[in-house]
C-alpha atoms as a PDB file:
ATOM      1  CA  MET A   1     -27.473  17.363 -17.999  1.00  0.00           C
ATOM      2  CA  SER A   2     -30.378  19.471 -18.155  1.00  0.00           C
ATOM      3  CA  ILE A   3     -31.314  22.103 -15.900  1.00  0.00           C
ATOM      4  CA  PHE A   4     -34.657  20.299 -14.691  1.00  0.00           C
ATOM      5  CA  ILE A   5     -32.418  16.853 -13.629  1.00  0.00           C
ATOM      6  CA  ILE A   6     -29.567  19.099 -12.103  1.00  0.00           C
ATOM      7  CA  MET A   7     -32.929  20.555  -9.826  1.00  0.00           C
ATOM      8  CA  LEU A   8     -34.239  17.200  -9.577  1.00  0.00           C
ATOM      9  CA  LEU A   9     -30.821  15.496  -8.129  1.00  0.00           C
ATOM     10  CA  LEU A  10     -30.481  18.966  -5.595  1.00  0.00           C
ATOM     11  CA  THR A  11     -33.979  18.341  -4.204  1.00  0.00           C
ATOM     12  CA  SER A  12     -33.805  14.997  -3.769  1.00  0.00           C
ATOM     13  CA  GLY A  13     -30.577  14.937  -2.216  1.00  0.00           C
ATOM     14  CA  PHE A  14     -31.599  17.613   0.205  1.00  0.00           C
ATOM     15  CA  LEU A  15     -34.772  15.756   1.145  1.00  0.00           C
ATOM     16  CA  SER A  16     -33.032  12.436   1.447  1.00  0.00           C
ATOM     17  CA  GLY A  17     -30.347  13.639   3.834  1.00  0.00           C
ATOM     18  CA  ALA A  18     -33.421  15.284   5.916  1.00  0.00           C
ATOM     19  CA  VAL A  19     -35.901  12.227   5.825  1.00  0.00           C
ATOM     20  CA  ASN A  20     -33.020   9.917   6.919  1.00  0.00           C
ATOM     21  CA  ALA A  21     -32.063  12.320   9.848  1.00  0.00           C
ATOM     22  CA  ILE A  22     -35.818  11.835  10.930  1.00  0.00           C
ATOM     23  CA  ALA A  23     -36.490   8.031  10.688  1.00  0.00           C
ATOM     24  CA  GLY A  24     -35.049   6.495   6.945  1.00  0.00           C
ATOM     25  CA  GLY A  25     -36.336   6.138   3.550  1.00  0.00           C
ATOM     26  CA  GLY A  26     -33.755   8.649   2.058  1.00  0.00           C
ATOM     27  CA  THR A  27     -32.507   6.037  -1.047  1.00  0.00           C
ATOM     28  CA  PHE A  28     -36.321   6.014  -2.077  1.00  0.00           C
ATOM     29  CA  LEU A  29     -35.700   9.705  -3.240  1.00  0.00           C
ATOM     30  CA  THR A  30     -32.240   9.570  -4.627  1.00  0.00           C
ATOM     31  CA  PHE A  31     -32.982   6.283  -6.121  1.00  0.00           C
ATOM     32  CA  GLY A  32     -35.922   7.434  -7.979  1.00  0.00           C
ATOM     33  CA  ALA A  33     -34.134  10.714  -8.909  1.00  0.00           C
ATOM     34  CA  MET A  34     -31.290   8.618 -10.487  1.00  0.00           C
ATOM     35  CA  THR A  35     -33.616   6.302 -12.161  1.00  0.00           C
ATOM     36  CA  ILE A  36     -35.499   9.524 -13.693  1.00  0.00           C
ATOM     37  CA  ALA A  37     -32.041  10.603 -14.672  1.00  0.00           C
ATOM     38  CA  GLY A  38     -31.399   7.622 -16.526  1.00  0.00           C
ATOM     39  CA  ILE A  39     -28.569   6.130 -14.472  1.00  0.00           C
ATOM     40  CA  ALA A  40     -28.397   2.331 -14.286  1.00  0.00           C
ATOM     41  CA  PRO A  41     -30.052   0.330 -11.297  1.00  0.00           C
ATOM     42  CA  ILE A  42     -26.898  -0.520  -9.736  1.00  0.00           C
ATOM     43  CA  SER A  43     -24.904   2.772 -10.519  1.00  0.00           C
ATOM     44  CA  ALA A  44     -27.957   4.591  -8.777  1.00  0.00           C
ATOM     45  CA  ASN A  45     -27.957   2.077  -5.909  1.00  0.00           C
ATOM     46  CA  ALA A  46     -24.527   2.557  -5.236  1.00  0.00           C
ATOM     47  CA  THR A  47     -24.370   6.395  -5.872  1.00  0.00           C
ATOM     48  CA  SER A  48     -27.252   6.540  -3.051  1.00  0.00           C
ATOM     49  CA  SER A  49     -24.707   5.574  -0.808  1.00  0.00           C
ATOM     50  CA  ILE A  50     -22.401   8.039  -1.411  1.00  0.00           C
ATOM     51  CA  VAL A  51     -24.874  10.578  -1.641  1.00  0.00           C
ATOM     52  CA  GLN A  52     -26.432  10.118   1.823  1.00  0.00           C
ATOM     53  CA  PHE A  53     -23.430   9.621   3.650  1.00  0.00           C
ATOM     54  CA  PRO A  54     -22.863  13.129   4.172  1.00  0.00           C
ATOM     55  CA  GLY A  55     -26.518  13.361   5.623  1.00  0.00           C
ATOM     56  CA  TYR A  56     -25.983  10.762   7.977  1.00  0.00           C
ATOM     57  CA  VAL A  57     -22.545  12.489   9.256  1.00  0.00           C
ATOM     58  CA  THR A  58     -24.143  15.830   9.678  1.00  0.00           C
ATOM     59  CA  SER A  59     -27.337  14.154  11.649  1.00  0.00           C
ATOM     60  CA  VAL A  60     -24.845  12.384  13.761  1.00  0.00           C
ATOM     61  CA  ILE A  61     -23.147  15.873  14.681  1.00  0.00           C
ATOM     62  CA  ALA A  62     -26.456  17.403  15.545  1.00  0.00           C
ATOM     63  CA  TYR A  63     -27.256  14.035  17.546  1.00  0.00           C
ATOM     64  CA  TRP A  64     -23.964  14.094  19.259  1.00  0.00           C
ATOM     65  CA  PRO A  65     -25.428  14.269  23.029  1.00  0.00           C
ATOM     66  CA  GLU A  66     -27.236  11.327  22.680  1.00  0.00           C
ATOM     67  CA  ILE A  67     -24.596   9.268  20.950  1.00  0.00           C
ATOM     68  CA  ARG A  68     -22.078  10.374  23.530  1.00  0.00           C
ATOM     69  CA  ALA A  69     -24.491   8.801  26.306  1.00  0.00           C
ATOM     70  CA  HIS A  70     -24.155   5.031  24.884  1.00  0.00           C
ATOM     71  CA  TRP A  71     -20.950   5.234  23.102  1.00  0.00           C
ATOM     72  CA  LYS A  72     -19.565   1.689  24.323  1.00  0.00           C
ATOM     73  CA  GLY A  73     -22.559  -0.222  23.019  1.00  0.00           C
ATOM     74  CA  ALA A  74     -22.413   1.474  19.799  1.00  0.00           C
ATOM     75  CA  VAL A  75     -18.802   0.187  19.097  1.00  0.00           C
ATOM     76  CA  PHE A  76     -19.583  -3.239  19.301  1.00  0.00           C
ATOM     77  CA  LEU A  77     -22.760  -2.533  16.912  1.00  0.00           C
ATOM     78  CA  SER A  78     -20.408  -0.789  14.584  1.00  0.00           C
ATOM     79  CA  VAL A  79     -17.936  -3.542  14.074  1.00  0.00           C
ATOM     80  CA  LEU A  80     -20.844  -6.022  13.119  1.00  0.00           C
ATOM     81  CA  SER A  81     -21.952  -3.253  10.648  1.00  0.00           C
ATOM     82  CA  ILE A  82     -18.667  -3.180   9.214  1.00  0.00           C
ATOM     83  CA  LEU A  83     -18.752  -6.993   8.413  1.00  0.00           C
ATOM     84  CA  GLY A  84     -22.700  -6.981   7.349  1.00  0.00           C
ATOM     85  CA  SER A  85     -22.460  -4.054   5.062  1.00  0.00           C
ATOM     86  CA  THR A  86     -19.005  -5.452   3.345  1.00  0.00           C
ATOM     87  CA  ALA A  87     -20.861  -8.758   2.767  1.00  0.00           C
ATOM     88  CA  GLY A  88     -24.009  -6.846   0.897  1.00  0.00           C
ATOM     89  CA  ALA A  89     -21.857  -4.511  -0.979  1.00  0.00           C
ATOM     90  CA  LEU A  90     -19.771  -7.480  -2.450  1.00  0.00           C
ATOM     91  CA  LEU A  91     -23.054  -9.301  -3.172  1.00  0.00           C
ATOM     92  CA  LEU A  92     -24.486  -6.374  -4.988  1.00  0.00           C
ATOM     93  CA  LEU A  93     -21.548  -5.847  -7.225  1.00  0.00           C
ATOM     94  CA  SER A  94     -21.780 -10.037  -8.128  1.00  0.00           C
ATOM     95  CA  LEU A  95     -25.165  -9.016  -9.896  1.00  0.00           C
ATOM     96  CA  ASP A  96     -25.529  -7.442 -13.397  1.00  0.00           C
ATOM     97  CA  ASN A  97     -27.658  -4.492 -14.147  1.00  0.00           C
ATOM     98  CA  PRO A  98     -30.386  -6.865 -15.715  1.00  0.00           C
ATOM     99  CA  SER A  99     -30.287  -9.412 -12.624  1.00  0.00           C
ATOM    100  CA  PHE A 100     -30.222  -6.626 -10.161  1.00  0.00           C
ATOM    101  CA  ARG A 101     -33.317  -4.812 -12.055  1.00  0.00           C
ATOM    102  CA  GLN A 102     -35.240  -8.062 -11.974  1.00  0.00           C
ATOM    103  CA  LEU A 103     -34.899  -7.676  -8.162  1.00  0.00           C
ATOM    104  CA  VAL A 104     -35.391  -3.900  -7.603  1.00  0.00           C
ATOM    105  CA  PRO A 105     -39.215  -3.923  -7.739  1.00  0.00           C
ATOM    106  CA  TRP A 106     -39.636  -6.613  -5.047  1.00  0.00           C
ATOM    107  CA  LEU A 107     -37.105  -4.951  -2.962  1.00  0.00           C
ATOM    108  CA  LEU A 108     -38.622  -1.357  -3.284  1.00  0.00           C
ATOM    109  CA  LEU A 109     -41.895  -3.127  -2.219  1.00  0.00           C
ATOM    110  CA  ALA A 110     -40.935  -4.809   0.916  1.00  0.00           C
ATOM    111  CA  ALA A 111     -38.673  -1.884   1.880  1.00  0.00           C
ATOM    112  CA  THR A 112     -42.109   0.308   1.393  1.00  0.00           C
ATOM    113  CA  LEU A 113     -44.154  -1.883   3.489  1.00  0.00           C
ATOM    114  CA  LEU A 114     -41.504  -2.235   5.981  1.00  0.00           C
ATOM    115  CA  PHE A 115     -41.290   1.796   6.143  1.00  0.00           C
ATOM    116  CA  ALA A 116     -45.195   2.213   5.962  1.00  0.00           C
ATOM    117  CA  ALA A 117     -45.275  -0.434   9.171  1.00  0.00           C
ATOM    118  CA  GLY A 118     -42.583   1.478  11.032  1.00  0.00           C
ATOM    119  CA  PRO A 119     -44.615   3.188  13.620  1.00  0.00           C
ATOM    120  CA  TRP A 120     -46.169  -0.406  14.692  1.00  0.00           C
ATOM    121  CA  LEU A 121     -42.705  -1.950  14.541  1.00  0.00           C
ATOM    122  CA  ARG A 122     -41.084   0.637  17.189  1.00  0.00           C
ATOM    123  CA  PRO A 123     -41.954  -0.483  20.546  1.00  0.00           C
ATOM    124  CA  ARG A 124     -41.971   1.995  23.623  1.00  0.00           C
ATOM    125  CA  SER A 125     -39.560   1.220  26.141  1.00  0.00           C
ATOM    126  CA  SER A 126     -39.184   2.676  29.698  1.00  0.00           C
ATOM    127  CA  ALA A 127     -35.143   2.428  29.160  1.00  0.00           C
ATOM    128  CA  ASP A 128     -33.431   5.861  28.758  1.00  0.00           C
ATOM    129  CA  HIS A 129     -30.880   4.572  26.629  1.00  0.00           C
ATOM    130  CA  PRO A 130     -30.409   1.601  24.419  1.00  0.00           C
ATOM    131  CA  THR A 131     -28.438  -1.213  25.984  1.00  0.00           C
ATOM    132  CA  SER A 132     -26.533  -3.574  23.337  1.00  0.00           C
ATOM    133  CA  ASN A 133     -26.824  -7.240  23.841  1.00  0.00           C
ATOM    134  CA  VAL A 134     -26.804 -10.722  21.596  1.00  0.00           C
ATOM    135  CA  ALA A 135     -29.914 -10.155  20.144  1.00  0.00           C
ATOM    136  CA  SER A 136     -29.044  -6.382  19.138  1.00  0.00           C
ATOM    137  CA  LEU A 137     -25.884  -7.466  17.992  1.00  0.00           C
ATOM    138  CA  ILE A 138     -27.253 -10.298  15.545  1.00  0.00           C
ATOM    139  CA  GLY A 139     -30.212  -8.196  14.598  1.00  0.00           C
ATOM    140  CA  GLN A 140     -27.997  -5.362  13.272  1.00  0.00           C
ATOM    141  CA  PHE A 141     -25.410  -7.389  11.119  1.00  0.00           C
ATOM    142  CA  PHE A 142     -28.224  -8.543   9.255  1.00  0.00           C
ATOM    143  CA  THR A 143     -29.753  -5.108   8.763  1.00  0.00           C
ATOM    144  CA  SER A 144     -26.326  -4.036   7.855  1.00  0.00           C
ATOM    145  CA  ILE A 145     -25.917  -6.755   5.087  1.00  0.00           C
ATOM    146  CA  TYR A 146     -29.365  -5.439   3.610  1.00  0.00           C
ATOM    147  CA  GLY A 147     -28.057  -1.937   4.231  1.00  0.00           C
ATOM    148  CA  GLY A 148     -24.843  -2.951   2.389  1.00  0.00           C
ATOM    149  CA  PHE A 149     -26.689  -4.389  -0.486  1.00  0.00           C
ATOM    150  CA  PHE A 150     -29.613  -2.059  -0.901  1.00  0.00           C
ATOM    151  CA  GLY A 151     -30.327   0.441   1.384  1.00  0.00           C
ATOM    152  CA  ALA A 152     -34.219   1.421   0.925  1.00  0.00           C
ATOM    153  CA  GLY A 153     -35.926   1.119   4.114  1.00  0.00           C
ATOM    154  CA  MET A 154     -32.617   0.420   6.432  1.00  0.00           C
ATOM    155  CA  GLY A 155     -32.967   3.432   8.571  1.00  0.00           C
ATOM    156  CA  ILE A 156     -36.698   2.019   9.705  1.00  0.00           C
ATOM    157  CA  MET A 157     -35.432  -1.372   9.988  1.00  0.00           C
ATOM    158  CA  MET A 158     -32.595  -0.597  11.941  1.00  0.00           C
ATOM    159  CA  LEU A 159     -34.890   1.467  14.307  1.00  0.00           C
ATOM    160  CA  ALA A 160     -37.396  -1.677  14.830  1.00  0.00           C
ATOM    161  CA  VAL A 161     -34.503  -4.078  15.232  1.00  0.00           C
ATOM    162  CA  LEU A 162     -32.803  -1.686  17.805  1.00  0.00           C
ATOM    163  CA  GLY A 163     -36.412  -1.079  19.493  1.00  0.00           C
ATOM    164  CA  LEU A 164     -36.990  -4.380  19.948  1.00  0.00           C
ATOM    165  CA  THR A 165     -33.816  -5.777  21.219  1.00  0.00           C
ATOM    166  CA  ALA A 166     -31.798  -2.877  22.838  1.00  0.00           C
ATOM    167  CA  GLY A 167     -34.748  -0.599  23.812  1.00  0.00           C
ATOM    168  CA  GLY A 168     -34.313   3.106  24.812  1.00  0.00           C
ATOM    169  CA  THR A 169     -36.086   6.370  23.706  1.00  0.00           C
ATOM    170  CA  TYR A 170     -36.801   7.433  20.117  1.00  0.00           C
ATOM    171  CA  HIS A 171     -34.190   9.905  19.912  1.00  0.00           C
ATOM    172  CA  HIS A 172     -31.549   7.881  21.367  1.00  0.00           C
ATOM    173  CA  LEU A 173     -32.187   5.133  19.045  1.00  0.00           C
ATOM    174  CA  ASN A 174     -32.745   7.471  16.141  1.00  0.00           C
ATOM    175  CA  ALA A 175     -29.127   8.985  16.961  1.00  0.00           C
ATOM    176  CA  LEU A 176     -27.454   5.127  16.921  1.00  0.00           C
ATOM    177  CA  LYS A 177     -29.259   4.579  13.945  1.00  0.00           C
ATOM    178  CA  ASN A 178     -27.906   7.577  12.408  1.00  0.00           C
ATOM    179  CA  LEU A 179     -24.494   6.544  13.729  1.00  0.00           C
ATOM    180  CA  LEU A 180     -24.595   3.053  12.237  1.00  0.00           C
ATOM    181  CA  ALA A 181     -25.716   4.287   8.512  1.00  0.00           C
ATOM    182  CA  VAL A 182     -22.410   6.233   8.597  1.00  0.00           C
ATOM    183  CA  VAL A 183     -20.546   3.218   9.183  1.00  0.00           C
ATOM    184  CA  ILE A 184     -22.763   0.887   6.623  1.00  0.00           C
ATOM    185  CA  ALA A 185     -22.519   3.719   3.867  1.00  0.00           C
ATOM    186  CA  ALA A 186     -18.655   4.402   4.407  1.00  0.00           C
ATOM    187  CA  VAL A 187     -17.863   0.477   3.992  1.00  0.00           C
ATOM    188  CA  ALA A 188     -20.439   0.677   0.820  1.00  0.00           C
ATOM    189  CA  ILE A 189     -18.719   3.531  -0.401  1.00  0.00           C
ATOM    190  CA  VAL A 190     -15.152   1.857  -0.550  1.00  0.00           C
ATOM    191  CA  VAL A 191     -16.504  -1.380  -2.114  1.00  0.00           C
ATOM    192  CA  PHE A 192     -18.540   0.441  -4.649  1.00  0.00           C
ATOM    193  CA  VAL A 193     -15.735   3.061  -5.301  1.00  0.00           C
ATOM    194  CA  GLY A 194     -13.566   0.161  -5.991  1.00  0.00           C
ATOM    195  CA  GLY A 195     -16.092  -1.406  -8.293  1.00  0.00           C
ATOM    196  CA  GLY A 196     -16.245   1.490 -10.477  1.00  0.00           C
ATOM    197  CA  VAL A 197     -19.884   1.754 -10.652  1.00  0.00           C
ATOM    198  CA  VAL A 198     -20.596   5.090  -8.952  1.00  0.00           C
ATOM    199  CA  ALA A 199     -22.183   7.853 -11.271  1.00  0.00           C
ATOM    200  CA  TRP A 200     -19.824  10.559 -10.043  1.00  0.00           C
ATOM    201  CA  PRO A 201     -21.482  13.650 -12.021  1.00  0.00           C
ATOM    202  CA  ALA A 202     -24.705  13.105 -10.223  1.00  0.00           C
ATOM    203  CA  ALA A 203     -23.106  12.032  -6.708  1.00  0.00           C
ATOM    204  CA  LEU A 204     -21.380  15.600  -6.837  1.00  0.00           C
ATOM    205  CA  ILE A 205     -24.479  17.627  -7.343  1.00  0.00           C
ATOM    206  CA  MET A 206     -26.121  15.560  -4.453  1.00  0.00           C
ATOM    207  CA  ILE A 207     -23.609  15.269  -1.878  1.00  0.00           C
ATOM    208  CA  PRO A 208     -23.988  18.920  -0.506  1.00  0.00           C
ATOM    209  CA  ALA A 209     -27.433  19.037  -0.711  1.00  0.00           C
ATOM    210  CA  SER A 210     -27.740  15.756   1.528  1.00  0.00           C
ATOM    211  CA  ALA A 211     -25.103  17.407   3.893  1.00  0.00           C
ATOM    212  CA  VAL A 212     -27.519  20.347   4.460  1.00  0.00           C
ATOM    213  CA  GLY A 213     -30.463  18.325   4.395  1.00  0.00           C
ATOM    214  CA  GLY A 214     -28.888  15.748   7.437  1.00  0.00           C
ATOM    215  CA  TYR A 215     -28.321  18.538   9.667  1.00  0.00           C
ATOM    216  CA  CYS A 216     -32.021  20.190   9.042  1.00  0.00           C
ATOM    217  CA  GLY A 217     -33.492  16.855   9.511  1.00  0.00           C
ATOM    218  CA  VAL A 218     -32.747  16.450  13.367  1.00  0.00           C
ATOM    219  CA  TYR A 219     -34.082  20.141  13.644  1.00  0.00           C
ATOM    220  CA  LEU A 220     -37.370  19.059  11.536  1.00  0.00           C
ATOM    221  CA  ALA A 221     -37.392  15.632  13.810  1.00  0.00           C
ATOM    222  CA  ARG A 222     -37.964  17.564  16.855  1.00  0.00           C
ATOM    223  CA  ARG A 223     -40.625  19.810  15.634  1.00  0.00           C
ATOM    224  CA  VAL A 224     -42.471  18.736  12.494  1.00  0.00           C
ATOM    225  CA  PRO A 225     -45.037  15.899  12.725  1.00  0.00           C
ATOM    226  CA  GLN A 226     -43.458  12.792  11.029  1.00  0.00           C
ATOM    227  CA  TRP A 227     -46.464  11.580   9.153  1.00  0.00           C
ATOM    228  CA  LEU A 228     -45.839  14.448   6.800  1.00  0.00           C
ATOM    229  CA  ILE A 229     -42.783  12.984   6.069  1.00  0.00           C
ATOM    230  CA  ARG A 230     -43.569   9.563   5.923  1.00  0.00           C
ATOM    231  CA  THR A 231     -46.386   9.869   3.649  1.00  0.00           C
ATOM    232  CA  MET A 232     -44.455  11.471   1.025  1.00  0.00           C
ATOM    233  CA  VAL A 233     -41.713   8.854   1.279  1.00  0.00           C
ATOM    234  CA  ILE A 234     -44.080   5.888   1.271  1.00  0.00           C
ATOM    235  CA  ALA A 235     -45.787   7.574  -1.690  1.00  0.00           C
ATOM    236  CA  VAL A 236     -42.098   7.782  -3.650  1.00  0.00           C
ATOM    237  CA  GLY A 237     -41.674   4.140  -2.799  1.00  0.00           C
ATOM    238  CA  LEU A 238     -44.830   2.906  -4.104  1.00  0.00           C
ATOM    239  CA  LEU A 239     -44.579   5.065  -7.165  1.00  0.00           C
ATOM    240  CA  LEU A 240     -41.314   3.693  -7.915  1.00  0.00           C
ATOM    241  CA  THR A 241     -42.338   0.057  -7.193  1.00  0.00           C
ATOM    242  CA  VAL A 242     -44.915   0.212  -9.658  1.00  0.00           C
ATOM    243  CA  TYR A 243     -42.758   1.786 -12.345  1.00  0.00           C
ATOM    244  CA  TYR A 244     -40.179  -0.974 -11.889  1.00  0.00           C
ATOM    245  CA  PHE A 245     -42.907  -3.814 -12.008  1.00  0.00           C
ATOM    246  CA  VAL A 246     -44.152  -1.963 -15.074  1.00  0.00           C
ATOM    247  CA  THR A 247     -40.980  -1.948 -17.046  1.00  0.00           C
ATOM    248  CA  SER A 248     -38.848  -5.040 -16.031  1.00  0.00           C
END
């Protein structure tokens, strides 16, 4: 592995942790970096789940006051996230690389458009805390299936669904999103490791960087204009979409 590839993986790991803590979209960066490194699509997708896990954990730690304020609802959402992400991860393992590669550009395009539409999908609410209900439980179940299967755009999808169904301020929704992402990624990791599809050399390089990025991302979420981060993530998503449409 060349120095360029190592630095690329380190940088993408850090940035993925940061942008996931802010809103979501880190999979675009890790998936793209591993694609450049020559890792097969299914392995790149599976390894992204492992790489981003520490970043989600550290962002949850940084957001702990918000999470503690509504932990009861988070328990129900977490249970459904376990079921949904298990189904999504097993669905991914049922495919081969050529079949998954044919789906990748369409998945990336849909995720990029969803991410770009995020500000319009995230309604404002007068409630201080999210309130779980039947609609939020059902929405989170289907979101977690997508998260276990692919994951790109999962964060903004959760923010949109939770905002529409549960309400709450941005930071409370974002904290809950990061907690549920930990659950989804943890389940996917168990399935993917058991399926033997993880690219461990790349994962071991990117994991520490993702952890640092996740913690720093909460700081950035409170202080840096989010349009800067969003523009970068959307650009990466569009470039990856074009690349996979051309090469598929």
